[in-house]
C-alpha atoms as a PDB file:
ATOM      1  CA  MET A   1     -13.550  -1.276  -6.583  1.00  0.00           C
ATOM      2  CA  MET A   2     -12.228  -4.001  -4.304  1.00  0.00           C
ATOM      3  CA  ARG A   3     -10.701  -7.208  -5.643  1.00  0.00           C
ATOM      4  CA  THR A   4     -10.602 -10.587  -3.935  1.00  0.00           C
ATOM      5  CA  ARG A   5      -7.399 -11.808  -2.360  1.00  0.00           C
ATOM      6  CA  ARG A   6      -7.104 -14.518  -5.019  1.00  0.00           C
ATOM      7  CA  GLU A   7      -7.544 -11.985  -7.820  1.00  0.00           C
ATOM      8  CA  MET A   8      -4.854  -9.819  -6.292  1.00  0.00           C
ATOM      9  CA  LEU A   9      -2.378 -12.678  -5.965  1.00  0.00           C
ATOM     10  CA  THR A  10      -2.793 -14.462  -9.318  1.00  0.00           C
ATOM     11  CA  LEU A  11      -0.403 -13.548 -12.128  1.00  0.00           C
ATOM     12  CA  THR A  12      -1.778 -12.794 -15.566  1.00  0.00           C
ATOM     13  CA  GLY A  13      -1.876 -15.818 -17.816  1.00  0.00           C
ATOM     14  CA  THR A  14       0.372 -17.970 -15.633  1.00  0.00           C
ATOM     15  CA  GLY A  15      -1.958 -19.582 -13.135  1.00  0.00           C
ATOM     16  CA  LEU A  16       0.761 -18.945 -10.554  1.00  0.00           C
ATOM     17  CA  MET A  17       0.355 -17.128  -7.288  1.00  0.00           C
ATOM     18  CA  LEU A  18       2.229 -14.023  -6.249  1.00  0.00           C
ATOM     19  CA  PRO A  19       4.001 -14.863  -2.979  1.00  0.00           C
ATOM     20  CA  LEU A  20       2.938 -12.929   0.087  1.00  0.00           C
ATOM     21  CA  ALA A  21       6.562 -13.115   1.178  1.00  0.00           C
ATOM     22  CA  PRO A  22       9.919 -13.600  -0.549  1.00  0.00           C
ATOM     23  CA  VAL A  23      11.448 -17.059  -0.525  1.00  0.00           C
ATOM     24  CA  ALA A  24      14.424 -15.769   1.429  1.00  0.00           C
ATOM     25  CA  LEU A  25      14.254 -12.490   3.316  1.00  0.00           C
ATOM     26  CA  ARG A  26      17.242 -10.285   2.611  1.00  0.00           C
ATOM     27  CA  ALA A  27      16.658  -7.590   5.215  1.00  0.00           C
ATOM     28  CA  THR A  28      19.403  -8.889   7.506  1.00  0.00           C
ATOM     29  CA  GLU A  29      21.927  -8.317   4.720  1.00  0.00           C
ATOM     30  CA  LYS A  30      21.147  -4.606   4.498  1.00  0.00           C
ATOM     31  CA  SER A  31      21.198  -1.629   6.806  1.00  0.00           C
ATOM     32  CA  GLU A  32      18.545  -1.461   9.510  1.00  0.00           C
ATOM     33  CA  PRO A  33      15.746   1.002   8.677  1.00  0.00           C
ATOM     34  CA  PRO A  34      14.904   3.637  11.307  1.00  0.00           C
ATOM     35  CA  ARG A  35      12.084   2.904  13.764  1.00  0.00           C
ATOM     36  CA  ASN A  36       9.382   5.109  15.237  1.00  0.00           C
ATOM     37  CA  ASP A  37       8.236   5.252  18.861  1.00  0.00           C
ATOM     38  CA  ASP A  38       6.107   2.121  18.374  1.00  0.00           C
ATOM     39  CA  GLY A  39       9.090   0.157  17.123  1.00  0.00           C
ATOM     40  CA  LEU A  40       7.835   0.126  13.531  1.00  0.00           C
ATOM     41  CA  HIS A  41      10.275   0.595  10.700  1.00  0.00           C
ATOM     42  CA  THR A  42       9.526   3.891   9.048  1.00  0.00           C
ATOM     43  CA  GLN A  43      10.502   6.368   6.344  1.00  0.00           C
ATOM     44  CA  PRO A  44      11.317  10.070   6.863  1.00  0.00           C
ATOM     45  CA  TRP A  45       8.856  11.020   4.117  1.00  0.00           C
ATOM     46  CA  PHE A  46       5.829   9.319   5.668  1.00  0.00           C
ATOM     47  CA  HIS A  47       3.046  11.824   6.288  1.00  0.00           C
ATOM     48  CA  GLU A  48       2.898  13.460   9.715  1.00  0.00           C
ATOM     49  CA  SER A  49      -0.799  12.911  10.266  1.00  0.00           C
ATOM     50  CA  PHE A  50      -3.262  13.999  12.954  1.00  0.00           C
ATOM     51  CA  LEU A  51      -4.944  10.661  12.105  1.00  0.00           C
ATOM     52  CA  ASP A  52      -8.117  12.132  10.680  1.00  0.00           C
ATOM     53  CA  LEU A  53      -8.198  10.166   7.442  1.00  0.00           C
ATOM     54  CA  LYS A  54     -10.687  12.381   5.668  1.00  0.00           C
ATOM     55  CA  GLU A  55      -8.450  15.370   6.375  1.00  0.00           C
ATOM     56  CA  ASP A  56      -5.441  13.404   5.136  1.00  0.00           C
ATOM     57  CA  LEU A  57      -7.181  12.574   1.863  1.00  0.00           C
ATOM     58  CA  THR A  58      -8.289  16.197   1.501  1.00  0.00           C
ATOM     59  CA  GLU A  59      -4.674  17.289   1.974  1.00  0.00           C
ATOM     60  CA  ALA A  60      -3.548  14.718  -0.575  1.00  0.00           C
ATOM     61  CA  GLU A  61      -6.218  15.904  -2.998  1.00  0.00           C
ATOM     62  CA  LYS A  62      -5.035  19.513  -2.727  1.00  0.00           C
ATOM     63  CA  ALA A  63      -1.528  18.334  -3.598  1.00  0.00           C
ATOM     64  CA  GLY A  64      -2.761  16.329  -6.579  1.00  0.00           C
ATOM     65  CA  LYS A  65      -2.106  13.033  -4.822  1.00  0.00           C
ATOM     66  CA  SER A  66      -3.908  10.002  -3.415  1.00  0.00           C
ATOM     67  CA  LEU A  67      -3.687   8.513   0.085  1.00  0.00           C
ATOM     68  CA  ALA A  68      -2.103   5.216   1.109  1.00  0.00           C
ATOM     69  CA  VAL A  69      -2.776   3.877   4.621  1.00  0.00           C
ATOM     70  CA  MET A  70      -0.206   1.286   5.608  1.00  0.00           C
ATOM     71  CA  PHE A  71      -0.744  -1.148   8.488  1.00  0.00           C
ATOM     72  CA  GLU A  72       2.383  -2.674  10.010  1.00  0.00           C
ATOM     73  CA  GLN A  73       3.338  -4.313  13.298  1.00  0.00           C
ATOM     74  CA  ARG A  74       6.440  -4.459  15.441  1.00  0.00           C
ATOM     75  CA  GLY A  75       8.689  -7.400  14.690  1.00  0.00           C
ATOM     76  CA  CYS A  76       7.079  -8.146  11.310  1.00  0.00           C
ATOM     77  CA  PRO A  77       9.874  -9.492   9.038  1.00  0.00           C
ATOM     78  CA  TYR A  78       7.881  -8.760   5.885  1.00  0.00           C
ATOM     79  CA  CYS A  79       7.313  -5.158   6.938  1.00  0.00           C
ATOM     80  CA  LYS A  80      11.049  -4.846   7.434  1.00  0.00           C
ATOM     81  CA  GLU A  81      11.692  -6.380   4.023  1.00  0.00           C
ATOM     82  CA  MET A  82       9.281  -3.900   2.458  1.00  0.00           C
ATOM     83  CA  HIS A  83      11.260  -1.027   3.992  1.00  0.00           C
ATOM     84  CA  VAL A  84      14.717  -2.440   3.279  1.00  0.00           C
ATOM     85  CA  THR A  85      14.092  -3.694  -0.253  1.00  0.00           C
ATOM     86  CA  ASN A  86      11.149  -1.757  -1.693  1.00  0.00           C
ATOM     87  CA  LEU A  87      10.911   1.592   0.069  1.00  0.00           C
ATOM     88  CA  SER A  88      14.685   2.070   0.024  1.00  0.00           C
ATOM     89  CA  ASP A  89      14.678   1.833  -3.770  1.00  0.00           C
ATOM     90  CA  PRO A  90      15.031   5.453  -4.986  1.00  0.00           C
ATOM     91  CA  GLU A  91      12.789   4.941  -8.015  1.00  0.00           C
ATOM     92  CA  ILE A  92       9.986   3.383  -5.983  1.00  0.00           C
ATOM     93  CA  ALA A  93      10.274   5.878  -3.131  1.00  0.00           C
ATOM     94  CA  SER A  94      10.313   8.819  -5.542  1.00  0.00           C
ATOM     95  CA  TYR A  95       7.221   7.565  -7.365  1.00  0.00           C
ATOM     96  CA  ILE A  96       5.275   7.080  -4.148  1.00  0.00           C
ATOM     97  CA  GLN A  97       6.238  10.485  -2.764  1.00  0.00           C
ATOM     98  CA  LYS A  98       5.247  12.157  -6.027  1.00  0.00           C
ATOM     99  CA  HIS A  99       1.782  10.639  -6.168  1.00  0.00           C
ATOM    100  CA  PHE A 100       0.773   9.635  -2.616  1.00  0.00           C
ATOM    101  CA  LEU A 101       0.640  10.705   0.977  1.00  0.00           C
ATOM    102  CA  VAL A 102       1.465   7.689   3.119  1.00  0.00           C
ATOM    103  CA  VAL A 103       0.024   7.288   6.616  1.00  0.00           C
ATOM    104  CA  GLN A 104       1.485   4.475   8.696  1.00  0.00           C
ATOM    105  CA  LEU A 105      -0.681   2.746  11.323  1.00  0.00           C
ATOM    106  CA  ASN A 106       0.156   0.129  13.938  1.00  0.00           C
ATOM    107  CA  LEU A 107      -1.920  -3.057  13.750  1.00  0.00           C
ATOM    108  CA  TYR A 108      -1.883  -3.201  17.558  1.00  0.00           C
ATOM    109  CA  GLY A 109      -1.596   0.536  18.218  1.00  0.00           C
ATOM    110  CA  ALA A 110      -3.655   2.606  20.647  1.00  0.00           C
ATOM    111  CA  ARG A 111      -3.618   5.989  18.922  1.00  0.00           C
ATOM    112  CA  THR A 112      -7.044   7.380  18.068  1.00  0.00           C
ATOM    113  CA  VAL A 113      -7.849   7.448  14.348  1.00  0.00           C
ATOM    114  CA  THR A 114     -10.888   9.099  12.762  1.00  0.00           C
ATOM    115  CA  ASP A 115     -12.290   6.980   9.936  1.00  0.00           C
ATOM    116  CA  PHE A 116     -13.799   8.554   6.825  1.00  0.00           C
ATOM    117  CA  ASP A 117     -17.290   8.305   8.302  1.00  0.00           C
ATOM    118  CA  GLY A 118     -16.207  10.247  11.398  1.00  0.00           C
ATOM    119  CA  LYS A 119     -16.020   7.253  13.744  1.00  0.00           C
ATOM    120  CA  GLU A 120     -13.092   7.453  16.177  1.00  0.00           C
ATOM    121  CA  LEU A 121     -11.283   4.232  17.046  1.00  0.00           C
ATOM    122  CA  GLU A 122      -7.914   3.077  18.292  1.00  0.00           C
ATOM    123  CA  GLU A 123      -5.623   1.830  15.541  1.00  0.00           C
ATOM    124  CA  ARG A 124      -6.159  -1.808  16.556  1.00  0.00           C
ATOM    125  CA  ALA A 125      -9.934  -1.369  16.499  1.00  0.00           C
ATOM    126  CA  LEU A 126      -9.751   0.329  13.102  1.00  0.00           C
ATOM    127  CA  ALA A 127      -7.710  -2.602  11.803  1.00  0.00           C
ATOM    128  CA  ARG A 128     -10.432  -5.002  12.964  1.00  0.00           C
ATOM    129  CA  ARG A 129     -13.114  -2.801  11.424  1.00  0.00           C
ATOM    130  CA  TRP A 130     -11.340  -2.842   8.074  1.00  0.00           C
ATOM    131  CA  GLY A 131     -10.600  -6.569   8.276  1.00  0.00           C
ATOM    132  CA  VAL A 132      -6.804  -6.333   8.426  1.00  0.00           C
ATOM    133  CA  ASN A 133      -5.311  -9.753   9.181  1.00  0.00           C
ATOM    134  CA  PHE A 134      -1.814  -9.534   7.710  1.00  0.00           C
ATOM    135  CA  THR A 135       1.056  -7.055   7.720  1.00  0.00           C
ATOM    136  CA  PRO A 136       1.982  -5.191   5.742  1.00  0.00           C
ATOM    137  CA  THR A 137      -1.439  -4.290   4.365  1.00  0.00           C
ATOM    138  CA  ILE A 138      -1.899  -1.118   2.351  1.00  0.00           C
ATOM    139  CA  TYR A 139      -5.236   0.554   1.572  1.00  0.00           C
ATOM    140  CA  TYR A 140      -5.403   3.079  -1.271  1.00  0.00           C
ATOM    141  CA  PHE A 141      -7.847   5.983  -1.350  1.00  0.00           C
ATOM    142  CA  VAL A 142      -8.327   8.358  -4.258  1.00  0.00           C
ATOM    143  CA  PRO A 143      -9.896  11.828  -4.433  1.00  0.00           C
ATOM    144  CA  PRO A 144     -12.359  13.390  -4.232  1.00  0.00           C
ATOM    145  CA  ALA A 145     -12.455  13.119  -0.468  1.00  0.00           C
ATOM    146  CA  ALA A 146     -16.105  14.170  -0.460  1.00  0.00           C
ATOM    147  CA  ALA A 147     -17.044  10.934  -2.224  1.00  0.00           C
ATOM    148  CA  LEU A 148     -15.933   8.924   0.806  1.00  0.00           C
ATOM    149  CA  ALA A 149     -18.122  10.780   3.295  1.00  0.00           C
ATOM    150  CA  GLY A 150     -20.181   8.408   5.423  1.00  0.00           C
ATOM    151  CA  LYS A 151     -18.085   5.378   4.459  1.00  0.00           C
ATOM    152  CA  ASP A 152     -15.593   3.353   6.461  1.00  0.00           C
ATOM    153  CA  GLY A 153     -12.155   2.934   4.947  1.00  0.00           C
ATOM    154  CA  GLY A 154     -12.507  -0.792   4.519  1.00  0.00           C
ATOM    155  CA  SER A 155     -15.334  -0.345   2.037  1.00  0.00           C
ATOM    156  CA  ALA A 156     -14.176   2.975   0.576  1.00  0.00           C
ATOM    157  CA  ALA A 157     -10.715   1.897  -0.562  1.00  0.00           C
ATOM    158  CA  ALA A 158     -10.032   1.870  -4.287  1.00  0.00           C
ATOM    159  CA  TRP A 159      -7.515  -0.946  -3.905  1.00  0.00           C
ATOM    160  CA  LYS A 160      -5.769  -3.027  -1.257  1.00  0.00           C
ATOM    161  CA  LEU A 161      -2.372  -4.742  -1.138  1.00  0.00           C
ATOM    162  CA  ILE A 162      -1.997  -7.645   1.299  1.00  0.00           C
ATOM    163  CA  GLY A 163       1.385  -8.947   2.447  1.00  0.00           C
ATOM    164  CA  TYR A 164       4.846  -8.458   1.023  1.00  0.00           C
ATOM    165  CA  TRP A 165       5.101  -8.072  -2.748  1.00  0.00           C
ATOM    166  CA  LYS A 166       8.419  -7.966  -4.556  1.00  0.00           C
ATOM    167  CA  PRO A 167       9.667  -4.607  -5.884  1.00  0.00           C
ATOM    168  CA  PHE A 168       8.182  -4.675  -9.402  1.00  0.00           C
ATOM    169  CA  HIS A 169       4.704  -5.712  -8.242  1.00  0.00           C
ATOM    170  CA  PHE A 170       4.851  -3.347  -5.275  1.00  0.00           C
ATOM    171  CA  HIS A 171       5.793  -0.394  -7.466  1.00  0.00           C
ATOM    172  CA  GLN A 172       3.204  -1.212 -10.102  1.00  0.00           C
ATOM    173  CA  THR A 173       0.453  -1.450  -7.496  1.00  0.00           C
ATOM    174  CA  PHE A 174       0.963   2.255  -6.760  1.00  0.00           C
ATOM    175  CA  ALA A 175       0.956   2.962 -10.508  1.00  0.00           C
ATOM    176  CA  TYR A 176      -2.250   0.933 -10.889  1.00  0.00           C
ATOM    177  CA  VAL A 177      -3.975   3.157  -8.364  1.00  0.00           C
ATOM    178  CA  HIS A 178      -2.448   6.432  -9.551  1.00  0.00           C
ATOM    179  CA  GLU A 179      -3.512   5.760 -13.142  1.00  0.00           C
ATOM    180  CA  ARG A 180      -7.000   4.683 -11.974  1.00  0.00           C
ATOM    181  CA  ALA A 181      -6.485   1.455 -13.919  1.00  0.00           C
ATOM    182  CA  TYR A 182      -8.617  -0.418 -11.367  1.00  0.00           C
ATOM    183  CA  ALA A 183     -11.673   1.125 -13.025  1.00  0.00           C
ATOM    184  CA  ALA A 184     -10.924  -0.580 -16.362  1.00  0.00           C
ATOM    185  CA  PRO A 185     -12.144  -4.087 -17.221  1.00  0.00           C
ATOM    186  CA  GLY A 186      -9.780  -7.024 -16.907  1.00  0.00           C
ATOM    187  CA  GLY A 187      -8.430  -6.410 -13.423  1.00  0.00           C
ATOM    188  CA  PHE A 188      -4.934  -6.086 -12.029  1.00  0.00           C
ATOM    189  CA  GLN A 189      -3.507  -9.270 -13.561  1.00  0.00           C
ATOM    190  CA  LYS A 190      -4.378  -8.264 -17.123  1.00  0.00           C
ATOM    191  CA  TRP A 191      -3.107  -4.732 -16.552  1.00  0.00           C
ATOM    192  CA  LEU A 192       0.134  -5.974 -14.971  1.00  0.00           C
ATOM    193  CA  GLY A 193       0.853  -8.316 -17.863  1.00  0.00           C
ATOM    194  CA  GLU A 194       0.318  -5.542 -20.389  1.00  0.00           C
ATOM    195  CA  ARG A 195       2.392  -3.173 -18.289  1.00  0.00           C
ATOM    196  CA  ALA A 196       5.280  -5.651 -18.119  1.00  0.00           C
ATOM    197  CA  GLU A 197       5.244  -6.165 -21.894  1.00  0.00           C
ATOM    198  CA  LYS A 198       5.186  -2.419 -22.507  1.00  0.00           C
ATOM    199  CA  LEU A 199       8.171  -1.868 -20.219  1.00  0.00           C
ATOM    200  CA  ARG A 200      10.090  -4.720 -21.833  1.00  0.00           C
ATOM    201  CA  ALA A 201       9.421  -3.195 -25.254  1.00  0.00           C
ATOM    202  CA  GLU A 202      10.994   0.010 -23.937  1.00  0.00           C
ATOM    203  CA  GLY A 203      14.105  -1.964 -23.030  1.00  0.00           C
ATOM    204  CA  LYS A 204      13.499  -1.962 -19.301  1.00  0.00           C
ATOM    205  CA  ASP A 205      14.329  -4.857 -17.017  1.00  0.00           C
ATOM    206  CA  VAL A 206      11.150  -6.443 -15.663  1.00  0.00           C
ATOM    207  CA  ARG A 207      11.621  -9.002 -12.924  1.00  0.00           C
ATOM    208  CA  LEU A 208       8.390 -10.747 -12.060  1.00  0.00           C
ATOM    209  CA  TRP A 209      10.148 -13.181  -9.723  1.00  0.00           C
END
């Protein structure tokens, strides 16, 4: 079930908007993440994919996981911030690795990717097909893989994250998908507010901003 960009960015009960980017990027203050051959920042645990997305989701399904397809581009400061601040956090990285296979794609890349409906396109053409306009953008796909047959990823995704989200929201987006909470009424904002209150009641530090 896809949500609108406004629904995804509005905080529960506040009327405020989640920023697509932090007020002040901190990536320059931390160690430089490794880069791949395309110049994208990357993580050693990203999935080594043959870029057949249906096969990737099938592999994820066999491992009891879901699939996250992450579009980035070279020189994107918010992609770098995501790697330096979010993906370098051991708790966040551990949660993602436990529950997801992550495939990284280049918004302007030329590698051939096979969409869920069998159509083969270069990464940049796939991005246009799915309507990707910002980086980072993450699409989430959940098993069973067979249910996505004949569909393109843009319409088959269970959820989508657009732009840079701060660590708590970023982490909870993966939890939202893993727990299939997107299928419940109320949407992400209601779920996030309830999630934050539950974590606070457990004595955990919740930083919404």
